[in-house]
Every structure is written in structure tokens, then in C-alpha cells.
N, C-alpha and C. Protein backbone atom coordinates (compact mmCIF):
# COMPACT_ATOMS: atom_id res chain seq x y z
N MET A 1 -10.50 -9.21 -8.94
CA MET A 1 -10.02 -9.06 -7.59
C MET A 1 -10.92 -9.88 -6.69
N ASP A 2 -10.31 -10.57 -5.75
CA ASP A 2 -11.10 -11.43 -4.88
C ASP A 2 -11.09 -10.92 -3.45
N ASP A 3 -11.87 -11.60 -2.60
CA ASP A 3 -11.98 -11.20 -1.20
C ASP A 3 -10.66 -11.30 -0.46
N GLU A 4 -9.82 -12.27 -0.82
CA GLU A 4 -8.52 -12.42 -0.16
C GLU A 4 -7.64 -11.20 -0.40
N THR A 5 -7.65 -10.69 -1.61
CA THR A 5 -6.86 -9.49 -1.92
C THR A 5 -7.33 -8.31 -1.09
N LEU A 6 -8.63 -8.14 -0.96
CA LEU A 6 -9.16 -7.04 -0.16
C LEU A 6 -8.85 -7.22 1.32
N ARG A 7 -8.89 -8.44 1.83
CA ARG A 7 -8.50 -8.70 3.23
C ARG A 7 -7.03 -8.36 3.45
N GLU A 8 -6.18 -8.74 2.50
CA GLU A 8 -4.75 -8.43 2.62
C GLU A 8 -4.52 -6.92 2.59
N GLN A 9 -5.27 -6.21 1.74
CA GLN A 9 -5.15 -4.76 1.68
C GLN A 9 -5.50 -4.15 3.03
N ARG A 10 -6.63 -4.57 3.60
CA ARG A 10 -7.04 -4.04 4.90
C ARG A 10 -6.01 -4.35 5.98
N ARG A 11 -5.42 -5.52 5.92
CA ARG A 11 -4.41 -5.92 6.92
C ARG A 11 -3.16 -5.04 6.80
N LEU A 12 -2.71 -4.78 5.58
CA LEU A 12 -1.55 -3.91 5.39
C LEU A 12 -1.82 -2.49 5.89
N VAL A 13 -3.00 -1.97 5.59
CA VAL A 13 -3.37 -0.63 6.07
C VAL A 13 -3.41 -0.61 7.59
N GLU A 14 -3.94 -1.65 8.19
CA GLU A 14 -4.00 -1.76 9.65
C GLU A 14 -2.59 -1.76 10.26
N LEU A 15 -1.69 -2.53 9.68
CA LEU A 15 -0.31 -2.60 10.19
C LEU A 15 0.40 -1.26 10.08
N ILE A 16 0.22 -0.59 8.95
CA ILE A 16 0.86 0.72 8.75
C ILE A 16 0.28 1.73 9.74
N SER A 17 -1.02 1.70 9.94
CA SER A 17 -1.68 2.63 10.87
C SER A 17 -1.20 2.41 12.30
N LYS A 18 -1.01 1.16 12.69
CA LYS A 18 -0.54 0.85 14.04
C LYS A 18 0.86 1.41 14.31
N GLU A 19 1.63 1.63 13.24
CA GLU A 19 2.97 2.18 13.39
C GLU A 19 2.97 3.71 13.41
N GLY A 20 1.78 4.31 13.45
CA GLY A 20 1.67 5.76 13.58
C GLY A 20 1.52 6.52 12.27
N TRP A 21 1.36 5.80 11.18
CA TRP A 21 1.19 6.43 9.88
C TRP A 21 -0.29 6.68 9.63
N ASN A 22 -0.60 7.79 8.94
CA ASN A 22 -1.97 8.12 8.54
C ASN A 22 -2.11 7.76 7.07
N VAL A 23 -2.81 6.67 6.78
CA VAL A 23 -2.99 6.22 5.40
C VAL A 23 -3.99 7.15 4.73
N THR A 24 -3.56 7.79 3.64
CA THR A 24 -4.40 8.76 2.94
C THR A 24 -4.97 8.25 1.63
N ASN A 25 -4.36 7.21 1.06
CA ASN A 25 -4.85 6.71 -0.22
C ASN A 25 -4.34 5.28 -0.42
N VAL A 26 -5.21 4.45 -1.01
CA VAL A 26 -4.83 3.08 -1.38
C VAL A 26 -5.35 2.83 -2.79
N GLU A 27 -4.48 2.36 -3.66
CA GLU A 27 -4.89 2.02 -5.02
C GLU A 27 -4.53 0.56 -5.29
N LEU A 28 -5.46 -0.14 -5.89
CA LEU A 28 -5.23 -1.52 -6.32
C LEU A 28 -5.41 -1.59 -7.83
N SER A 29 -4.48 -2.25 -8.48
CA SER A 29 -4.58 -2.50 -9.91
C SER A 29 -4.44 -3.99 -10.13
N VAL A 30 -5.32 -4.54 -10.94
CA VAL A 30 -5.27 -5.96 -11.25
C VAL A 30 -5.06 -6.12 -12.75
N PHE A 31 -4.04 -6.87 -13.09
CA PHE A 31 -3.72 -7.13 -14.49
C PHE A 31 -3.89 -8.62 -14.74
N ASP A 32 -4.53 -8.96 -15.80
CA ASP A 32 -4.70 -10.36 -16.17
C ASP A 32 -3.85 -10.61 -17.41
N TYR A 33 -2.70 -11.22 -17.20
CA TYR A 33 -1.75 -11.45 -18.29
C TYR A 33 -2.16 -12.65 -19.14
N GLN A 34 -2.00 -12.49 -20.43
CA GLN A 34 -2.25 -13.59 -21.36
C GLN A 34 -1.00 -13.85 -22.21
N LEU A 35 0.16 -13.61 -21.62
CA LEU A 35 1.42 -13.84 -22.31
C LEU A 35 1.92 -15.25 -22.01
N PRO A 36 2.69 -15.85 -22.92
CA PRO A 36 3.16 -17.22 -22.69
C PRO A 36 4.00 -17.39 -21.41
N ASP A 37 4.80 -16.37 -21.07
CA ASP A 37 5.67 -16.49 -19.89
C ASP A 37 5.01 -15.98 -18.61
N ARG A 38 3.84 -15.34 -18.71
CA ARG A 38 3.13 -14.83 -17.54
C ARG A 38 1.65 -15.10 -17.71
N GLN A 39 1.14 -16.01 -16.94
CA GLN A 39 -0.28 -16.36 -17.02
C GLN A 39 -0.98 -15.97 -15.73
N GLY A 40 -2.17 -15.48 -15.87
CA GLY A 40 -2.99 -15.22 -14.69
C GLY A 40 -2.88 -13.79 -14.19
N PRO A 41 -3.62 -13.50 -13.14
CA PRO A 41 -3.69 -12.13 -12.62
C PRO A 41 -2.49 -11.76 -11.75
N GLU A 42 -2.22 -10.47 -11.73
CA GLU A 42 -1.18 -9.91 -10.87
C GLU A 42 -1.76 -8.64 -10.26
N VAL A 43 -1.56 -8.46 -8.97
CA VAL A 43 -2.11 -7.30 -8.26
C VAL A 43 -0.97 -6.37 -7.86
N THR A 44 -1.16 -5.09 -8.12
CA THR A 44 -0.22 -4.06 -7.66
C THR A 44 -0.98 -3.17 -6.68
N MET A 45 -0.37 -2.93 -5.51
CA MET A 45 -0.99 -2.07 -4.51
C MET A 45 -0.07 -0.89 -4.22
N THR A 46 -0.65 0.31 -4.23
CA THR A 46 0.09 1.52 -3.87
C THR A 46 -0.60 2.12 -2.65
N ILE A 47 0.19 2.31 -1.59
CA ILE A 47 -0.34 2.89 -0.36
C ILE A 47 0.38 4.21 -0.12
N THR A 48 -0.41 5.27 0.09
CA THR A 48 0.15 6.58 0.42
C THR A 48 -0.17 6.84 1.89
N ALA A 49 0.86 7.21 2.64
CA ALA A 49 0.68 7.46 4.07
C ALA A 49 1.55 8.62 4.52
N LYS A 50 1.08 9.32 5.54
CA LYS A 50 1.83 10.45 6.11
C LYS A 50 2.13 10.15 7.57
N LYS A 51 3.26 10.70 8.02
CA LYS A 51 3.63 10.57 9.43
C LYS A 51 4.29 11.87 9.86
N PRO A 52 3.84 12.46 10.96
CA PRO A 52 4.45 13.71 11.42
C PRO A 52 5.91 13.49 11.80
N CYS A 53 6.73 14.48 11.49
CA CYS A 53 8.16 14.43 11.85
C CYS A 53 8.35 15.06 13.22
N ASP A 54 9.35 14.58 13.93
CA ASP A 54 9.73 15.21 15.19
C ASP A 54 10.44 16.53 14.89
N ASP A 55 10.34 17.47 15.82
CA ASP A 55 11.00 18.77 15.62
C ASP A 55 12.51 18.64 15.54
N ASP A 56 13.08 17.61 16.19
CA ASP A 56 14.53 17.47 16.19
C ASP A 56 15.03 16.54 15.07
N ASN A 57 14.18 16.23 14.11
CA ASN A 57 14.57 15.37 13.00
C ASN A 57 15.56 16.13 12.11
N PRO A 58 16.79 15.59 11.93
CA PRO A 58 17.80 16.30 11.15
C PRO A 58 17.48 16.38 9.66
N TYR A 59 16.52 15.63 9.18
CA TYR A 59 16.18 15.65 7.76
C TYR A 59 15.01 16.57 7.44
N ARG A 60 14.44 17.17 8.47
CA ARG A 60 13.29 18.06 8.28
C ARG A 60 13.76 19.40 7.71
N VAL A 61 13.09 19.85 6.65
CA VAL A 61 13.39 21.14 6.05
C VAL A 61 12.59 22.19 6.79
N LYS A 62 13.30 23.20 7.28
CA LYS A 62 12.63 24.27 8.05
C LYS A 62 12.57 25.55 7.24
């Protein structure tokens, strides 16, 4: 994992937070493929975030 990947992670968390979401967890996985059709590293990022629902939200379970 390089510095660019970490900068991109921080930027995504910043953007999500600005939209009112509370980021609770971030996971990064780096895979280095050695297959003929896939060479080099691949990064997977999982971001978990929460956002309060409005009381009048029709999808809220009461």
C-alpha cells in the first residue's frame, strides 16, 4: 500500500463526512495478483458509515 492509496482513503472519508455521515470503520485490503490475466496490486476499500434518519422517513422502522 502506498501513500497515494492512503490519501485517497482520507479524501473519501472526508467527502462522506461532509455529507453528514459518521464514518465508523474503514478497511483496506491489498492483493498482489500473480495470475497471467491479472498482474499487480489491487486495493479494496470498505467504508462503514451511519447517518441519523429523520422522524418522518417512511422507511424507518418504529
